[in-house]
Amino acid sequence: MTPDSTPQMHEDEVLVDDGTVRALLKDQFPDWADQRLRRIPDCGTDNAIYRLGDGLGIRLPRIHWAKAQIDKECQWLPRLAADLPTAVPVPVAEGRPGHGYPFPWLVYPWLEGTSLDRAAVEDWDVIAHSVAEFVLALEQVPPMGGPPPTRRGTPMAQYDEAVQWGISQLDGVIDVDRARYVWRCALDAGDWTGDPAWVHGDLLPGNILIGNGRLSGIIDWGCAGVGDPACEAMLAWSLPSDARRLYRNTLNFDDAVWARARGWAVEQTVFYIPYYAQSLPLAAEQAMRRLNQALLAD
């Protein structure tokens, strides 16, 4: 990493530095090129994040698999935003590759707030209820023509072998027998039999913004699509127990949905923890706490 580049998250990622971003702006969006440019160094695992002036942000994919997120957000966020009770980062411009940077990239409104994993929360019940109401509103958006989710929200059985391997990699760190049991319960709960619904697909504390003690925004929609809403409860195991119950009750999730939700919490964390242990140690520690909570009897 150079002094003006973002921290490296992936072995084969494209390193993004301030000079490249400034050059892209000058060529493609000269009206914004002179605004202050500030890296957000410890945010974004798939994207490099910059703040542009006071009112805009820039997301540049770090890795080849993230470039598909650009088209999805440009196509769907403007349609979703109109029916949602909380702000989402609807793109205002799409940039092109250039100056050695190979992917499309986005300019979007900067949403004020502190991510839930960093915010000082006074009333967890308020946050739990607000996020659940957001999920319910998202589920009411007509799903016709919507894309499938990137991963979470799809049928779980296809990931069984990978998740079993991921659990084994944490042997000696977590209770692997308990993790396998929770995962097996998720599979045994069966596939979603209700109507497909829009899901965010990555509704974790880093993607939930808090301002003045209340929900102020939901960011990072690259995993969104139409599928099983169980994945939206991954957040539950980042909440205190009372707020977790409120979250479930507000969403009206039955035992089968809740079992799959816990399974998705296992799936997400067993890969996240070892992958980001060095590059994002604080986030990996938070994921470990989330996993351990999900493994407890509920």
C-alpha atoms as a PDB file:
ATOM      1  CA  MET A   1       0.000   0.000   0.000  1.00  0.00           C
ATOM      2  CA  THR A   2       1.265   3.468  -0.869  1.00  0.00           C
ATOM      3  CA  PRO A   3       0.544   6.415   1.475  1.00  0.00           C
ATOM      4  CA  ASP A   4      -2.310   7.594  -0.758  1.00  0.00           C
ATOM      5  CA  SER A   5      -3.851   4.215  -1.571  1.00  0.00           C
ATOM      6  CA  THR A   6      -6.456   2.107   0.176  1.00  0.00           C
ATOM      7  CA  PRO A   7      -5.433  -0.873   2.366  1.00  0.00           C
ATOM      8  CA  GLN A   8      -5.156  -4.121   0.422  1.00  0.00           C
ATOM      9  CA  MET A   9      -7.960  -6.614   1.109  1.00  0.00           C
ATOM     10  CA  HIS A  10      -7.377  -9.235  -1.612  1.00  0.00           C
ATOM     11  CA  GLU A  11      -4.248 -10.752  -3.133  1.00  0.00           C
ATOM     12  CA  ASP A  12      -5.284  -9.954  -6.709  1.00  0.00           C
ATOM     13  CA  GLU A  13      -7.090  -6.671  -6.158  1.00  0.00           C
ATOM     14  CA  VAL A  14      -6.547  -3.450  -8.070  1.00  0.00           C
ATOM     15  CA  LEU A  15      -4.833  -0.919  -5.807  1.00  0.00           C
ATOM     16  CA  VAL A  16      -6.486   2.485  -6.019  1.00  0.00           C
ATOM     17  CA  ASP A  17      -4.626   5.688  -5.162  1.00  0.00           C
ATOM     18  CA  ASP A  18      -5.685   9.313  -4.825  1.00  0.00           C
ATOM     19  CA  GLY A  19      -3.952  10.390  -8.027  1.00  0.00           C
ATOM     20  CA  THR A  20      -5.842   7.873 -10.138  1.00  0.00           C
ATOM     21  CA  VAL A  21      -9.183   8.910  -8.661  1.00  0.00           C
ATOM     22  CA  ARG A  22      -8.405  12.581  -9.234  1.00  0.00           C
ATOM     23  CA  ALA A  23      -7.402  11.876 -12.848  1.00  0.00           C
ATOM     24  CA  LEU A  24     -10.616   9.927 -13.471  1.00  0.00           C
ATOM     25  CA  LEU A  25     -12.635  12.828 -12.114  1.00  0.00           C
ATOM     26  CA  LYS A  26     -10.817  15.400 -14.234  1.00  0.00           C
ATOM     27  CA  ASP A  27     -11.398  13.403 -17.414  1.00  0.00           C
ATOM     28  CA  GLN A  28     -14.982  12.320 -16.823  1.00  0.00           C
ATOM     29  CA  PHE A  29     -16.570  14.689 -14.292  1.00  0.00           C
ATOM     30  CA  PRO A  30     -14.576  17.932 -14.431  1.00  0.00           C
ATOM     31  CA  ASP A  31     -17.224  19.870 -12.499  1.00  0.00           C
ATOM     32  CA  TRP A  32     -16.383  17.754  -9.435  1.00  0.00           C
ATOM     33  CA  ALA A  33     -12.652  17.405  -9.995  1.00  0.00           C
ATOM     34  CA  ASP A  34     -11.569  20.268  -7.735  1.00  0.00           C
ATOM     35  CA  GLN A  35     -13.581  19.181  -4.722  1.00  0.00           C
ATOM     36  CA  ARG A  36     -11.795  17.822  -1.681  1.00  0.00           C
ATOM     37  CA  LEU A  37     -11.038  14.097  -1.979  1.00  0.00           C
ATOM     38  CA  ARG A  38     -10.712  12.010   1.180  1.00  0.00           C
ATOM     39  CA  ARG A  39     -10.014   8.307   1.396  1.00  0.00           C
ATOM     40  CA  ILE A  40     -12.064   6.256   3.844  1.00  0.00           C
ATOM     41  CA  PRO A  41      -9.263   3.771   4.513  1.00  0.00           C
ATOM     42  CA  ASP A  42     -10.908   1.104   6.644  1.00  0.00           C
ATOM     43  CA  CYS A  43     -14.291   0.867   4.906  1.00  0.00           C
ATOM     44  CA  GLY A  44     -15.306  -1.335   2.010  1.00  0.00           C
ATOM     45  CA  THR A  45     -14.036  -4.872   1.480  1.00  0.00           C
ATOM     46  CA  ASP A  46     -15.001  -5.095  -2.190  1.00  0.00           C
ATOM     47  CA  ASN A  47     -14.750  -1.386  -2.997  1.00  0.00           C
ATOM     48  CA  ALA A  48     -12.417   1.502  -2.303  1.00  0.00           C
ATOM     49  CA  ILE A  49     -14.439   4.349  -0.779  1.00  0.00           C
ATOM     50  CA  TYR A  50     -13.756   8.079  -1.108  1.00  0.00           C
ATOM     51  CA  ARG A  51     -15.628  11.123   0.079  1.00  0.00           C
ATOM     52  CA  LEU A  52     -15.842  13.875  -2.520  1.00  0.00           C
ATOM     53  CA  GLY A  53     -16.518  17.316  -1.115  1.00  0.00           C
ATOM     54  CA  ASP A  54     -19.220  17.316   1.535  1.00  0.00           C
ATOM     55  CA  GLY A  55     -22.070  15.809  -0.430  1.00  0.00           C
ATOM     56  CA  LEU A  56     -20.742  13.001  -2.606  1.00  0.00           C
ATOM     57  CA  GLY A  57     -18.989   9.663  -2.329  1.00  0.00           C
ATOM     58  CA  ILE A  58     -17.101   7.461  -4.777  1.00  0.00           C
ATOM     59  CA  ARG A  59     -17.034   3.669  -4.867  1.00  0.00           C
ATOM     60  CA  LEU A  60     -14.415   1.924  -6.991  1.00  0.00           C
ATOM     61  CA  PRO A  61     -14.393  -1.895  -7.169  1.00  0.00           C
ATOM     62  CA  ARG A  62     -11.179  -3.332  -5.768  1.00  0.00           C
ATOM     63  CA  ILE A  63     -11.648  -6.778  -7.258  1.00  0.00           C
ATOM     64  CA  HIS A  64     -13.109  -8.237 -10.449  1.00  0.00           C
ATOM     65  CA  TRP A  65     -16.115  -9.861  -8.776  1.00  0.00           C
ATOM     66  CA  ALA A  66     -17.308  -6.481  -7.448  1.00  0.00           C
ATOM     67  CA  LYS A  67     -17.767  -4.831 -10.824  1.00  0.00           C
ATOM     68  CA  ALA A  68     -21.160  -6.512 -11.305  1.00  0.00           C
ATOM     69  CA  GLN A  69     -22.386  -4.511  -8.315  1.00  0.00           C
ATOM     70  CA  ILE A  70     -22.124  -1.306 -10.349  1.00  0.00           C
ATOM     71  CA  ASP A  71     -24.749  -2.245 -12.933  1.00  0.00           C
ATOM     72  CA  LYS A  72     -27.043  -3.680 -10.266  1.00  0.00           C
ATOM     73  CA  GLU A  73     -26.995  -0.531  -8.157  1.00  0.00           C
ATOM     74  CA  CYS A  74     -27.435   1.763 -11.158  1.00  0.00           C
ATOM     75  CA  GLN A  75     -30.405  -0.238 -12.400  1.00  0.00           C
ATOM     76  CA  TRP A  76     -32.223  -1.040  -9.183  1.00  0.00           C
ATOM     77  CA  LEU A  77     -31.464   1.471  -6.447  1.00  0.00           C
ATOM     78  CA  PRO A  78     -33.408   4.300  -8.125  1.00  0.00           C
ATOM     79  CA  ARG A  79     -36.434   1.988  -8.297  1.00  0.00           C
ATOM     80  CA  LEU A  80     -36.118   0.694  -4.747  1.00  0.00           C
ATOM     81  CA  ALA A  81     -35.415   4.047  -3.097  1.00  0.00           C
ATOM     82  CA  ALA A  82     -38.845   5.494  -3.807  1.00  0.00           C
ATOM     83  CA  ASP A  83     -40.547   2.827  -1.666  1.00  0.00           C
ATOM     84  CA  LEU A  84     -38.095   2.725   1.233  1.00  0.00           C
ATOM     85  CA  PRO A  85     -38.366   4.643   4.523  1.00  0.00           C
ATOM     86  CA  THR A  86     -34.629   5.173   4.918  1.00  0.00           C
ATOM     87  CA  ALA A  87     -32.039   6.736   2.642  1.00  0.00           C
ATOM     88  CA  VAL A  88     -30.037   4.548   0.261  1.00  0.00           C
ATOM     89  CA  PRO A  89     -27.122   5.665  -1.957  1.00  0.00           C
ATOM     90  CA  VAL A  90     -28.811   6.088  -5.333  1.00  0.00           C
ATOM     91  CA  PRO A  91     -26.006   6.627  -7.894  1.00  0.00           C
ATOM     92  CA  VAL A  92     -25.760  10.043  -9.506  1.00  0.00           C
ATOM     93  CA  ALA A  93     -23.083   9.124 -12.065  1.00  0.00           C
ATOM     94  CA  GLU A  94     -21.280   6.073 -13.423  1.00  0.00           C
ATOM     95  CA  GLY A  95     -17.613   6.392 -14.281  1.00  0.00           C
ATOM     96  CA  ARG A  96     -15.664   4.482 -16.922  1.00  0.00           C
ATOM     97  CA  PRO A  97     -12.325   2.669 -16.718  1.00  0.00           C
ATOM     98  CA  GLY A  98      -9.269   4.810 -17.328  1.00  0.00           C
ATOM     99  CA  HIS A  99      -5.738   5.748 -16.228  1.00  0.00           C
ATOM    100  CA  GLY A 100      -4.910   2.102 -15.604  1.00  0.00           C
ATOM    101  CA  TYR A 101      -8.024   1.500 -13.522  1.00  0.00           C
ATOM    102  CA  PRO A 102      -9.996  -1.302 -15.246  1.00  0.00           C
ATOM    103  CA  PHE A 103     -13.539  -1.181 -13.832  1.00  0.00           C
ATOM    104  CA  PRO A 104     -16.628   1.037 -13.931  1.00  0.00           C
ATOM    105  CA  TRP A 105     -17.168   3.062 -10.738  1.00  0.00           C
ATOM    106  CA  LEU A 106     -19.866   5.121  -9.057  1.00  0.00           C
ATOM    107  CA  VAL A 107     -20.492   8.603  -7.715  1.00  0.00           C
ATOM    108  CA  TYR A 108     -23.341   8.695  -5.221  1.00  0.00           C
ATOM    109  CA  PRO A 109     -24.777  10.985  -2.522  1.00  0.00           C
ATOM    110  CA  TRP A 110     -22.825  10.821   0.713  1.00  0.00           C
ATOM    111  CA  LEU A 111     -25.138   9.566   3.447  1.00  0.00           C
ATOM    112  CA  GLU A 112     -24.376  11.055   6.836  1.00  0.00           C
ATOM    113  CA  GLY A 113     -24.112   8.739   9.804  1.00  0.00           C
ATOM    114  CA  THR A 114     -21.864   6.332  11.653  1.00  0.00           C
ATOM    115  CA  SER A 115     -21.924   2.639  10.849  1.00  0.00           C
ATOM    116  CA  LEU A 116     -23.614   0.538  13.501  1.00  0.00           C
ATOM    117  CA  ASP A 117     -20.397  -1.310  14.285  1.00  0.00           C
ATOM    118  CA  ARG A 118     -18.855   2.021  15.373  1.00  0.00           C
ATOM    119  CA  ALA A 119     -21.843   3.969  16.651  1.00  0.00           C
ATOM    120  CA  ALA A 120     -22.568   4.656  20.309  1.00  0.00           C
ATOM    121  CA  VAL A 121     -26.101   3.267  20.580  1.00  0.00           C
ATOM    122  CA  GLU A 122     -28.264   4.436  23.462  1.00  0.00           C
ATOM    123  CA  ASP A 123     -31.437   2.531  22.603  1.00  0.00           C
ATOM    124  CA  TRP A 124     -30.937  -0.752  20.764  1.00  0.00           C
ATOM    125  CA  ASP A 125     -34.679  -1.373  20.600  1.00  0.00           C
ATOM    126  CA  VAL A 126     -35.120   1.757  18.482  1.00  0.00           C
ATOM    127  CA  ILE A 127     -32.451   0.561  16.053  1.00  0.00           C
ATOM    128  CA  ALA A 128     -33.776  -3.010  15.922  1.00  0.00           C
ATOM    129  CA  HIS A 129     -37.322  -1.839  15.232  1.00  0.00           C
ATOM    130  CA  SER A 130     -36.237   0.693  12.592  1.00  0.00           C
ATOM    131  CA  VAL A 131     -34.122  -1.801  10.676  1.00  0.00           C
ATOM    132  CA  ALA A 132     -36.896  -4.398  10.839  1.00  0.00           C
ATOM    133  CA  GLU A 133     -39.380  -1.850   9.481  1.00  0.00           C
ATOM    134  CA  PHE A 134     -36.935  -1.127   6.675  1.00  0.00           C
ATOM    135  CA  VAL A 135     -36.733  -4.854   5.855  1.00  0.00           C
ATOM    136  CA  LEU A 136     -40.519  -5.107   5.820  1.00  0.00           C
ATOM    137  CA  ALA A 137     -40.767  -2.125   3.475  1.00  0.00           C
ATOM    138  CA  LEU A 138     -38.165  -3.654   1.169  1.00  0.00           C
ATOM    139  CA  GLU A 139     -40.124  -6.913   1.097  1.00  0.00           C
ATOM    140  CA  GLN A 140     -43.181  -4.989  -0.113  1.00  0.00           C
ATOM    141  CA  VAL A 141     -41.416  -3.668  -3.215  1.00  0.00           C
ATOM    142  CA  PRO A 142     -42.782  -5.597  -6.220  1.00  0.00           C
ATOM    143  CA  PRO A 143     -40.220  -8.308  -7.063  1.00  0.00           C
ATOM    144  CA  MET A 144     -41.048  -8.722 -10.750  1.00  0.00           C
ATOM    145  CA  GLY A 145     -37.938  -8.735 -12.893  1.00  0.00           C
ATOM    146  CA  GLY A 146     -35.596  -8.425  -9.928  1.00  0.00           C
ATOM    147  CA  PRO A 147     -32.262 -10.254 -10.058  1.00  0.00           C
ATOM    148  CA  PRO A 148     -31.440 -13.227  -7.834  1.00  0.00           C
ATOM    149  CA  PRO A 149     -29.353 -12.371  -4.776  1.00  0.00           C
ATOM    150  CA  THR A 150     -25.615 -12.707  -5.192  1.00  0.00           C
ATOM    151  CA  ARG A 151     -25.419 -15.463  -2.555  1.00  0.00           C
ATOM    152  CA  ARG A 152     -27.369 -15.098   0.660  1.00  0.00           C
ATOM    153  CA  GLY A 153     -31.061 -15.363  -0.039  1.00  0.00           C
ATOM    154  CA  THR A 154     -30.585 -18.233  -2.495  1.00  0.00           C
ATOM    155  CA  PRO A 155     -31.188 -21.921  -1.561  1.00  0.00           C
ATOM    156  CA  MET A 156     -28.652 -22.884   1.104  1.00  0.00           C
ATOM    157  CA  ALA A 157     -27.949 -26.533   0.280  1.00  0.00           C
ATOM    158  CA  GLN A 158     -25.686 -25.601  -2.634  1.00  0.00           C
ATOM    159  CA  TYR A 159     -23.182 -24.155  -0.136  1.00  0.00           C
ATOM    160  CA  ASP A 160     -23.095 -27.147   2.205  1.00  0.00           C
ATOM    161  CA  GLU A 161     -19.691 -28.476   1.203  1.00  0.00           C
ATOM    162  CA  ALA A 162     -18.078 -25.030   1.269  1.00  0.00           C
ATOM    163  CA  VAL A 163     -19.560 -24.141   4.663  1.00  0.00           C
ATOM    164  CA  GLN A 164     -18.504 -27.462   6.165  1.00  0.00           C
ATOM    165  CA  TRP A 165     -14.969 -26.724   4.970  1.00  0.00           C
ATOM    166  CA  GLY A 166     -15.167 -23.176   6.361  1.00  0.00           C
ATOM    167  CA  ILE A 167     -16.255 -24.449   9.760  1.00  0.00           C
ATOM    168  CA  SER A 168     -13.365 -26.926   9.811  1.00  0.00           C
ATOM    169  CA  GLN A 169     -10.896 -24.072   9.267  1.00  0.00           C
ATOM    170  CA  LEU A 170     -11.928 -22.619  12.640  1.00  0.00           C
ATOM    171  CA  ASP A 171     -11.375 -25.841  14.577  1.00  0.00           C
ATOM    172  CA  GLY A 172      -9.840 -24.914  17.915  1.00  0.00           C
ATOM    173  CA  VAL A 173     -11.214 -21.360  17.624  1.00  0.00           C
ATOM    174  CA  ILE A 174     -14.961 -22.028  17.789  1.00  0.00           C
ATOM    175  CA  ASP A 175     -17.169 -24.928  18.827  1.00  0.00           C
ATOM    176  CA  VAL A 176     -17.147 -26.659  15.442  1.00  0.00           C
ATOM    177  CA  ASP A 177     -19.630 -29.330  16.502  1.00  0.00           C
ATOM    178  CA  ARG A 178     -22.106 -26.665  17.507  1.00  0.00           C
ATOM    179  CA  ALA A 179     -21.478 -24.756  14.281  1.00  0.00           C
ATOM    180  CA  ARG A 180     -22.140 -27.884  12.232  1.00  0.00           C
ATOM    181  CA  TYR A 181     -25.332 -28.505  14.203  1.00  0.00           C
ATOM    182  CA  VAL A 182     -26.615 -24.949  13.604  1.00  0.00           C
ATOM    183  CA  TRP A 183     -25.783 -25.231   9.913  1.00  0.00           C
ATOM    184  CA  ARG A 184     -27.505 -28.614   9.675  1.00  0.00           C
ATOM    185  CA  CYS A 185     -30.623 -27.171  11.351  1.00  0.00           C
ATOM    186  CA  ALA A 186     -30.633 -24.428   8.726  1.00  0.00           C
ATOM    187  CA  LEU A 187     -30.542 -26.968   5.912  1.00  0.00           C
ATOM    188  CA  ASP A 188     -33.188 -29.126   7.580  1.00  0.00           C
ATOM    189  CA  ALA A 189     -35.502 -26.106   7.784  1.00  0.00           C
ATOM    190  CA  GLY A 190     -35.949 -26.418   4.023  1.00  0.00           C
ATOM    191  CA  ASP A 191     -36.073 -23.830   1.283  1.00  0.00           C
ATOM    192  CA  TRP A 192     -38.237 -20.732   1.426  1.00  0.00           C
ATOM    193  CA  THR A 193     -41.757 -21.575   0.271  1.00  0.00           C
ATOM    194  CA  GLY A 194     -43.244 -18.088   0.466  1.00  0.00           C
ATOM    195  CA  ASP A 195     -43.315 -15.491  -2.258  1.00  0.00           C
ATOM    196  CA  PRO A 196     -39.844 -14.282  -3.285  1.00  0.00           C
ATOM    197  CA  ALA A 197     -39.048 -10.892  -1.810  1.00  0.00           C
ATOM    198  CA  TRP A 198     -36.408  -8.223  -2.230  1.00  0.00           C
ATOM    199  CA  VAL A 199     -33.508  -8.684   0.183  1.00  0.00           C
ATOM    200  CA  HIS A 200     -30.490  -6.532   0.883  1.00  0.00           C
ATOM    201  CA  GLY A 201     -28.409  -9.692   1.347  1.00  0.00           C
ATOM    202  CA  ASP A 202     -25.608  -8.140   3.402  1.00  0.00           C
ATOM    203  CA  LEU A 203     -27.487  -6.466   6.224  1.00  0.00           C
ATOM    204  CA  LEU A 204     -24.659  -6.316   8.739  1.00  0.00           C
ATOM    205  CA  PRO A 205     -23.577  -3.518  11.113  1.00  0.00           C
ATOM    206  CA  GLY A 206     -21.038  -2.034   8.704  1.00  0.00           C
ATOM    207  CA  ASN A 207     -23.805  -1.347   6.178  1.00  0.00           C
ATOM    208  CA  ILE A 208     -26.256   0.260   8.605  1.00  0.00           C
ATOM    209  CA  LEU A 209     -25.825   3.984   9.290  1.00  0.00           C
ATOM    210  CA  ILE A 210     -26.896   5.637  12.533  1.00  0.00           C
ATOM    211  CA  GLY A 211     -27.395   9.375  13.010  1.00  0.00           C
ATOM    212  CA  ASN A 212     -28.669  11.087  16.158  1.00  0.00           C
ATOM    213  CA  GLY A 213     -29.454   7.708  17.670  1.00  0.00           C
ATOM    214  CA  ARG A 214     -31.656   6.603  14.777  1.00  0.00           C
ATOM    215  CA  LEU A 215     -31.365   4.709  11.515  1.00  0.00           C
ATOM    216  CA  SER A 216     -30.145   7.125   8.845  1.00  0.00           C
ATOM    217  CA  GLY A 217     -29.153   4.960   5.886  1.00  0.00           C
ATOM    218  CA  ILE A 218     -28.573   1.495   4.440  1.00  0.00           C
ATOM    219  CA  ILE A 219     -25.551   1.163   2.145  1.00  0.00           C
ATOM    220  CA  ASP A 220     -23.731  -1.458   0.031  1.00  0.00           C
ATOM    221  CA  TRP A 221     -26.412  -3.063  -2.130  1.00  0.00           C
ATOM    222  CA  GLY A 222     -24.160  -5.279  -4.225  1.00  0.00           C
ATOM    223  CA  CYS A 223     -25.659  -8.498  -2.814  1.00  0.00           C
ATOM    224  CA  ALA A 224     -29.306  -7.434  -3.192  1.00  0.00           C
ATOM    225  CA  GLY A 225     -31.873  -9.410  -5.129  1.00  0.00           C
ATOM    226  CA  VAL A 226     -35.131 -11.318  -4.938  1.00  0.00           C
ATOM    227  CA  GLY A 227     -35.089 -14.422  -2.741  1.00  0.00           C
ATOM    228  CA  ASP A 228     -35.452 -15.780   0.786  1.00  0.00           C
ATOM    229  CA  PRO A 229     -35.783 -13.034   3.429  1.00  0.00           C
ATOM    230  CA  ALA A 230     -34.171 -15.211   6.130  1.00  0.00           C
ATOM    231  CA  CYS A 231     -30.776 -13.724   5.316  1.00  0.00           C
ATOM    232  CA  GLU A 232     -31.966 -10.323   6.538  1.00  0.00           C
ATOM    233  CA  ALA A 233     -31.839 -11.631  10.119  1.00  0.00           C
ATOM    234  CA  MET A 234     -28.062 -12.121  10.119  1.00  0.00           C
ATOM    235  CA  LEU A 235     -28.031  -8.770  11.880  1.00  0.00           C
ATOM    236  CA  ALA A 236     -29.877 -10.261  14.854  1.00  0.00           C
ATOM    237  CA  TRP A 237     -26.735 -11.737  16.388  1.00  0.00           C
ATOM    238  CA  SER A 238     -25.069  -8.340  16.444  1.00  0.00           C
ATOM    239  CA  LEU A 239     -27.895  -7.066  18.677  1.00  0.00           C
ATOM    240  CA  PRO A 240     -28.370  -7.435  22.437  1.00  0.00           C
ATOM    241  CA  SER A 241     -30.738 -10.265  23.295  1.00  0.00           C
ATOM    242  CA  ASP A 242     -33.818  -8.092  23.989  1.00  0.00           C
ATOM    243  CA  ALA A 243     -33.341  -6.155  20.750  1.00  0.00           C
ATOM    244  CA  ARG A 244     -32.792  -9.447  18.924  1.00  0.00           C
ATOM    245  CA  ARG A 245     -36.174 -10.716  20.094  1.00  0.00           C
ATOM    246  CA  LEU A 246     -37.809  -7.440  19.087  1.00  0.00           C
ATOM    247  CA  TYR A 247     -36.187  -7.672  15.657  1.00  0.00           C
ATOM    248  CA  ARG A 248     -37.493 -11.213  15.129  1.00  0.00           C
ATOM    249  CA  ASN A 249     -40.957 -10.409  16.402  1.00  0.00           C
ATOM    250  CA  THR A 250     -41.247  -7.326  14.200  1.00  0.00           C
ATOM    251  CA  LEU A 251     -40.246  -9.372  11.165  1.00  0.00           C
ATOM    252  CA  ASN A 252     -42.586 -12.180  12.264  1.00  0.00           C
ATOM    253  CA  PHE A 253     -40.026 -14.846  11.375  1.00  0.00           C
ATOM    254  CA  ASP A 254     -41.125 -18.379  12.207  1.00  0.00           C
ATOM    255  CA  ASP A 255     -38.790 -21.125  13.457  1.00  0.00           C
ATOM    256  CA  ALA A 256     -37.810 -22.309   9.969  1.00  0.00           C
ATOM    257  CA  VAL A 257     -36.896 -18.828   8.776  1.00  0.00           C
ATOM    258  CA  TRP A 258     -34.997 -18.172  11.996  1.00  0.00           C
ATOM    259  CA  ALA A 259     -33.050 -21.433  11.608  1.00  0.00           C
ATOM    260  CA  ARG A 260     -31.996 -20.421   8.098  1.00  0.00           C
ATOM    261  CA  ALA A 261     -31.074 -16.971   9.384  1.00  0.00           C
ATOM    262  CA  ARG A 262     -28.707 -18.515  11.918  1.00  0.00           C
ATOM    263  CA  GLY A 263     -27.288 -20.662   9.146  1.00  0.00           C
ATOM    264  CA  TRP A 264     -26.554 -17.587   7.060  1.00  0.00           C
ATOM    265  CA  ALA A 265     -24.823 -16.039  10.075  1.00  0.00           C
ATOM    266  CA  VAL A 266     -22.588 -19.121  10.208  1.00  0.00           C
ATOM    267  CA  GLU A 267     -21.977 -19.060   6.460  1.00  0.00           C
ATOM    268  CA  GLN A 268     -20.978 -15.396   6.423  1.00  0.00           C
ATOM    269  CA  THR A 269     -18.688 -15.456   9.428  1.00  0.00           C
ATOM    270  CA  VAL A 270     -16.754 -18.686   8.900  1.00  0.00           C
ATOM    271  CA  PHE A 271     -15.364 -17.279   5.671  1.00  0.00           C
ATOM    272  CA  TYR A 272     -15.086 -13.653   6.770  1.00  0.00           C
ATOM    273  CA  ILE A 273     -13.125 -14.281   9.969  1.00  0.00           C
ATOM    274  CA  PRO A 274     -10.021 -15.962   8.500  1.00  0.00           C
ATOM    275  CA  TYR A 275     -10.087 -13.963   5.264  1.00  0.00           C
ATOM    276  CA  TYR A 276      -9.994 -10.540   6.935  1.00  0.00           C
ATOM    277  CA  ALA A 277      -8.151 -11.448  10.144  1.00  0.00           C
ATOM    278  CA  GLN A 278      -5.064  -9.488   9.067  1.00  0.00           C
ATOM    279  CA  SER A 279      -6.515  -6.703   6.928  1.00  0.00           C
ATOM    280  CA  LEU A 280      -9.570  -5.909   9.103  1.00  0.00           C
ATOM    281  CA  PRO A 281      -8.841  -7.314  12.557  1.00  0.00           C
ATOM    282  CA  LEU A 282     -11.548  -5.285  14.347  1.00  0.00           C
ATOM    283  CA  ALA A 283     -14.208  -6.406  11.874  1.00  0.00           C
ATOM    284  CA  ALA A 284     -13.004 -10.002  12.149  1.00  0.00           C
ATOM    285  CA  GLU A 285     -13.317  -9.806  15.947  1.00  0.00           C
ATOM    286  CA  GLN A 286     -16.849  -8.462  15.595  1.00  0.00           C
ATOM    287  CA  ALA A 287     -17.683 -11.295  13.219  1.00  0.00           C
ATOM    288  CA  MET A 288     -16.366 -13.773  15.773  1.00  0.00           C
ATOM    289  CA  ARG A 289     -18.657 -12.323  18.425  1.00  0.00           C
ATOM    290  CA  ARG A 290     -21.572 -12.489  15.992  1.00  0.00           C
ATOM    291  CA  LEU A 291     -20.802 -16.124  15.205  1.00  0.00           C
ATOM    292  CA  ASN A 292     -20.540 -17.106  18.859  1.00  0.00           C
ATOM    293  CA  GLN A 293     -23.890 -15.457  19.553  1.00  0.00           C
ATOM    294  CA  ALA A 294     -25.474 -17.324  16.646  1.00  0.00           C
ATOM    295  CA  LEU A 295     -24.167 -20.614  18.030  1.00  0.00           C
ATOM    296  CA  LEU A 296     -25.870 -20.123  21.373  1.00  0.00           C
ATOM    297  CA  ALA A 297     -29.243 -21.703  21.975  1.00  0.00           C
ATOM    298  CA  ASP A 298     -32.046 -19.247  21.160  1.00  0.00           C
END
